[in-house]
């Protein structure tokens, strides 16, 4: 059974919240579904509706994750709708970088070459906590550029 090292909160698609559950064998990403982005095509009102819908969806998925408790990464990914499981062995590198103002970004590149950027504000998620959790999980594949 895998041990949870920490849960980090980032900003996902269209500014919606995203949970990043880090285990000693995998990372599980829980975010709103891609269909919530369709409202963005309809201007400001559509964008507001899309973000509200995404927030509701993430809240429901957080409740699913809470119901699982401290189970393994695979159990969490199976229990939460739309959760994405990435084994730590598939991650080539992760870089924590400074962005504009208080913004920070985490760039994760997998061994197959795909890359994804996660954003967060340093006043909402402690960059030190991000570094501690990912450093413990990834070792020398994690680079803190702050």
C-alpha atoms as a PDB file:
ATOM      1  CA  UNK A   1       0.000   0.000   0.000  1.00  0.00           C
ATOM      2  CA  UNK A   2       1.361   3.395  -0.943  1.00  0.00           C
ATOM      3  CA  UNK A   3       1.772   6.213   1.556  1.00  0.00           C
ATOM      4  CA  UNK A   4       0.456   9.723   0.944  1.00  0.00           C
ATOM      5  CA  UNK A   5       3.234  12.307   1.163  1.00  0.00           C
ATOM      6  CA  UNK A   6       0.964  15.324   0.780  1.00  0.00           C
ATOM      7  CA  UNK A   7      -1.846  17.040  -1.088  1.00  0.00           C
ATOM      8  CA  UNK A   8      -1.047  20.227  -2.980  1.00  0.00           C
ATOM      9  CA  UNK A   9      -3.551  22.682  -4.417  1.00  0.00           C
ATOM     10  CA  UNK A  10      -2.891  24.250  -7.796  1.00  0.00           C
ATOM     11  CA  UNK A  11      -4.896  26.102 -10.427  1.00  0.00           C
ATOM     12  CA  UNK A  12      -6.147  24.010 -13.308  1.00  0.00           C
ATOM     13  CA  UNK A  13      -8.034  24.660 -16.502  1.00  0.00           C
ATOM     14  CA  UNK A  14      -9.724  28.056 -16.779  1.00  0.00           C
ATOM     15  CA  UNK A  15      -8.684  29.017 -13.263  1.00  0.00           C
ATOM     16  CA  UNK A  16     -10.503  26.178 -11.559  1.00  0.00           C
ATOM     17  CA  UNK A  17      -8.963  24.477  -8.509  1.00  0.00           C
ATOM     18  CA  UNK A  18      -6.943  21.310  -8.906  1.00  0.00           C
ATOM     19  CA  UNK A  19      -5.723  18.851  -6.267  1.00  0.00           C
ATOM     20  CA  UNK A  20      -2.359  17.160  -6.640  1.00  0.00           C
ATOM     21  CA  UNK A  21      -2.189  14.069  -4.371  1.00  0.00           C
ATOM     22  CA  UNK A  22       1.417  12.913  -4.029  1.00  0.00           C
ATOM     23  CA  UNK A  23       2.090   9.332  -2.923  1.00  0.00           C
ATOM     24  CA  UNK A  24       5.380   7.486  -2.626  1.00  0.00           C
ATOM     25  CA  UNK A  25       4.645   5.566  -5.835  1.00  0.00           C
ATOM     26  CA  UNK A  26       2.386   7.852  -7.924  1.00  0.00           C
ATOM     27  CA  UNK A  27       0.725  11.241  -8.306  1.00  0.00           C
ATOM     28  CA  UNK A  28      -3.043  11.526  -8.642  1.00  0.00           C
ATOM     29  CA  UNK A  29      -4.420  14.720 -10.204  1.00  0.00           C
ATOM     30  CA  UNK A  30      -8.044  15.579  -9.440  1.00  0.00           C
ATOM     31  CA  UNK A  31      -9.526  18.428 -11.467  1.00  0.00           C
ATOM     32  CA  UNK A  32     -12.726  19.515 -13.159  1.00  0.00           C
ATOM     33  CA  UNK A  33     -13.630  17.815 -16.417  1.00  0.00           C
ATOM     34  CA  UNK A  34     -12.688  19.332 -19.747  1.00  0.00           C
ATOM     35  CA  UNK A  35     -16.326  19.958 -20.657  1.00  0.00           C
ATOM     36  CA  UNK A  36     -16.461  22.777 -18.120  1.00  0.00           C
ATOM     37  CA  UNK A  37     -14.255  24.796 -20.501  1.00  0.00           C
ATOM     38  CA  UNK A  38     -16.941  24.985 -23.197  1.00  0.00           C
ATOM     39  CA  UNK A  39     -18.537  28.007 -21.505  1.00  0.00           C
ATOM     40  CA  UNK A  40     -15.383  30.007 -22.174  1.00  0.00           C
ATOM     41  CA  UNK A  41     -16.373  30.279 -25.819  1.00  0.00           C
ATOM     42  CA  UNK A  42     -19.391  32.387 -24.872  1.00  0.00           C
ATOM     43  CA  UNK A  43     -17.647  35.424 -23.430  1.00  0.00           C
ATOM     44  CA  UNK A  44     -17.553  36.710 -19.879  1.00  0.00           C
ATOM     45  CA  UNK A  45     -20.891  35.263 -18.808  1.00  0.00           C
ATOM     46  CA  UNK A  46     -20.023  31.872 -20.245  1.00  0.00           C
ATOM     47  CA  UNK A  47     -16.635  32.043 -18.560  1.00  0.00           C
ATOM     48  CA  UNK A  48     -18.197  32.801 -15.187  1.00  0.00           C
ATOM     49  CA  UNK A  49     -20.599  29.889 -15.600  1.00  0.00           C
ATOM     50  CA  UNK A  50     -17.721  27.616 -16.613  1.00  0.00           C
ATOM     51  CA  UNK A  51     -15.660  28.503 -13.533  1.00  0.00           C
ATOM     52  CA  UNK A  52     -18.660  28.066 -11.230  1.00  0.00           C
ATOM     53  CA  UNK A  53     -19.410  24.671 -12.753  1.00  0.00           C
ATOM     54  CA  UNK A  54     -15.757  23.638 -12.464  1.00  0.00           C
ATOM     55  CA  UNK A  55     -15.660  24.681  -8.800  1.00  0.00           C
ATOM     56  CA  UNK A  56     -18.763  22.597  -8.062  1.00  0.00           C
ATOM     57  CA  UNK A  57     -17.307  19.623  -9.883  1.00  0.00           C
ATOM     58  CA  UNK A  58     -13.994  19.828  -8.011  1.00  0.00           C
ATOM     59  CA  UNK A  59     -15.840  20.151  -4.698  1.00  0.00           C
ATOM     60  CA  UNK A  60     -17.766  16.946  -5.464  1.00  0.00           C
ATOM     61  CA  UNK A  61     -14.553  15.182  -6.471  1.00  0.00           C
ATOM     62  CA  UNK A  62     -12.845  16.345  -3.258  1.00  0.00           C
ATOM     63  CA  UNK A  63     -15.702  14.732  -1.329  1.00  0.00           C
ATOM     64  CA  UNK A  64     -15.080  11.485  -3.243  1.00  0.00           C
ATOM     65  CA  UNK A  65     -11.366  11.706  -2.393  1.00  0.00           C
ATOM     66  CA  UNK A  66     -12.139  12.371   1.281  1.00  0.00           C
ATOM     67  CA  UNK A  67     -14.375   9.293   1.370  1.00  0.00           C
ATOM     68  CA  UNK A  68     -11.434   7.120   0.251  1.00  0.00           C
ATOM     69  CA  UNK A  69      -9.264   8.392   3.107  1.00  0.00           C
ATOM     70  CA  UNK A  70      -5.579   7.473   3.144  1.00  0.00           C
ATOM     71  CA  UNK A  71      -5.845   4.563   0.742  1.00  0.00           C
ATOM     72  CA  UNK A  72      -3.349   3.911  -2.040  1.00  0.00           C
ATOM     73  CA  UNK A  73      -2.888   6.064  -5.125  1.00  0.00           C
ATOM     74  CA  UNK A  74      -4.586   3.437  -7.282  1.00  0.00           C
ATOM     75  CA  UNK A  75      -7.587   3.280  -4.941  1.00  0.00           C
ATOM     76  CA  UNK A  76      -7.906   7.070  -4.984  1.00  0.00           C
ATOM     77  CA  UNK A  77      -7.691   7.199  -8.790  1.00  0.00           C
ATOM     78  CA  UNK A  78     -10.354   4.473  -9.074  1.00  0.00           C
ATOM     79  CA  UNK A  79     -12.715   6.137  -6.589  1.00  0.00           C
ATOM     80  CA  UNK A  80     -12.641   9.698  -7.974  1.00  0.00           C
ATOM     81  CA  UNK A  81     -14.300  10.516 -11.301  1.00  0.00           C
ATOM     82  CA  UNK A  82     -11.791  11.727 -13.889  1.00  0.00           C
ATOM     83  CA  UNK A  83      -8.731  11.347 -11.647  1.00  0.00           C
ATOM     84  CA  UNK A  84      -5.440  10.950 -13.508  1.00  0.00           C
ATOM     85  CA  UNK A  85      -2.820   8.597 -12.059  1.00  0.00           C
ATOM     86  CA  UNK A  86       0.823   9.048 -13.064  1.00  0.00           C
ATOM     87  CA  UNK A  87       3.363   6.600 -11.622  1.00  0.00           C
ATOM     88  CA  UNK A  88       6.464   8.373 -10.285  1.00  0.00           C
ATOM     89  CA  UNK A  89       8.630   6.198 -12.562  1.00  0.00           C
ATOM     90  CA  UNK A  90       6.938   7.857 -15.571  1.00  0.00           C
ATOM     91  CA  UNK A  91       8.010  11.365 -14.487  1.00  0.00           C
ATOM     92  CA  UNK A  92      11.293  12.483 -16.037  1.00  0.00           C
ATOM     93  CA  UNK A  93      11.504  15.800 -14.177  1.00  0.00           C
ATOM     94  CA  UNK A  94       9.545  18.423 -12.300  1.00  0.00           C
ATOM     95  CA  UNK A  95      10.640  22.059 -12.034  1.00  0.00           C
ATOM     96  CA  UNK A  96       9.295  24.613  -9.580  1.00  0.00           C
ATOM     97  CA  UNK A  97       9.669  28.098 -11.083  1.00  0.00           C
ATOM     98  CA  UNK A  98       8.765  31.700 -10.292  1.00  0.00           C
ATOM     99  CA  UNK A  99       6.050  33.306 -12.394  1.00  0.00           C
ATOM    100  CA  UNK A 100       4.589  36.827 -12.333  1.00  0.00           C
ATOM    101  CA  UNK A 101       4.248  38.575  -8.940  1.00  0.00           C
ATOM    102  CA  UNK A 102       3.347  35.959  -6.312  1.00  0.00           C
ATOM    103  CA  UNK A 103       2.684  33.321  -8.932  1.00  0.00           C
ATOM    104  CA  UNK A 104       4.586  30.059  -9.095  1.00  0.00           C
ATOM    105  CA  UNK A 105       4.469  27.255 -11.622  1.00  0.00           C
ATOM    106  CA  UNK A 106       5.336  23.607 -11.558  1.00  0.00           C
ATOM    107  CA  UNK A 107       6.359  22.083 -14.883  1.00  0.00           C
ATOM    108  CA  UNK A 108       6.129  18.307 -15.003  1.00  0.00           C
ATOM    109  CA  UNK A 109       7.626  16.381 -17.929  1.00  0.00           C
ATOM    110  CA  UNK A 110       7.011  12.672 -18.368  1.00  0.00           C
ATOM    111  CA  UNK A 111       9.343  10.138 -19.970  1.00  0.00           C
ATOM    112  CA  UNK A 112       7.208  10.032 -23.136  1.00  0.00           C
ATOM    113  CA  UNK A 113       7.909  13.760 -23.664  1.00  0.00           C
ATOM    114  CA  UNK A 114       4.560  15.231 -22.662  1.00  0.00           C
ATOM    115  CA  UNK A 115       4.709  18.271 -20.438  1.00  0.00           C
ATOM    116  CA  UNK A 116       2.139  19.954 -18.238  1.00  0.00           C
ATOM    117  CA  UNK A 117       2.290  23.180 -16.243  1.00  0.00           C
ATOM    118  CA  UNK A 118       0.472  23.668 -12.948  1.00  0.00           C
ATOM    119  CA  UNK A 119       0.146  27.168 -11.475  1.00  0.00           C
ATOM    120  CA  UNK A 120      -0.392  28.428  -7.947  1.00  0.00           C
ATOM    121  CA  UNK A 121      -0.067  31.588  -5.883  1.00  0.00           C
ATOM    122  CA  UNK A 122       2.576  31.574  -3.167  1.00  0.00           C
ATOM    123  CA  UNK A 123       0.104  33.098  -0.714  1.00  0.00           C
ATOM    124  CA  UNK A 124      -2.324  30.185  -1.218  1.00  0.00           C
ATOM    125  CA  UNK A 125       0.060  27.220  -1.413  1.00  0.00           C
ATOM    126  CA  UNK A 126       3.427  27.382   0.346  1.00  0.00           C
ATOM    127  CA  UNK A 127       6.244  26.861  -2.211  1.00  0.00           C
ATOM    128  CA  UNK A 128       8.329  25.321   0.595  1.00  0.00           C
ATOM    129  CA  UNK A 129       5.658  22.642   1.072  1.00  0.00           C
ATOM    130  CA  UNK A 130       5.583  21.970  -2.677  1.00  0.00           C
ATOM    131  CA  UNK A 131       9.371  21.564  -2.648  1.00  0.00           C
ATOM    132  CA  UNK A 132       9.330  19.309   0.404  1.00  0.00           C
ATOM    133  CA  UNK A 133       6.615  16.976  -0.877  1.00  0.00           C
ATOM    134  CA  UNK A 134       7.909  16.691  -4.458  1.00  0.00           C
ATOM    135  CA  UNK A 135      11.531  16.486  -3.331  1.00  0.00           C
ATOM    136  CA  UNK A 136      10.653  13.521  -1.121  1.00  0.00           C
ATOM    137  CA  UNK A 137       8.703  11.834  -3.925  1.00  0.00           C
ATOM    138  CA  UNK A 138      10.972  12.511  -6.919  1.00  0.00           C
ATOM    139  CA  UNK A 139      14.423  12.959  -5.392  1.00  0.00           C
ATOM    140  CA  UNK A 140      16.933  14.374  -7.878  1.00  0.00           C
ATOM    141  CA  UNK A 141      14.295  14.558 -10.635  1.00  0.00           C
ATOM    142  CA  UNK A 142      12.780  17.547  -8.816  1.00  0.00           C
ATOM    143  CA  UNK A 143      14.447  20.941  -9.360  1.00  0.00           C
ATOM    144  CA  UNK A 144      13.535  23.944  -7.222  1.00  0.00           C
ATOM    145  CA  UNK A 145      14.442  27.079  -9.243  1.00  0.00           C
ATOM    146  CA  UNK A 146      13.036  29.605  -6.744  1.00  0.00           C
END
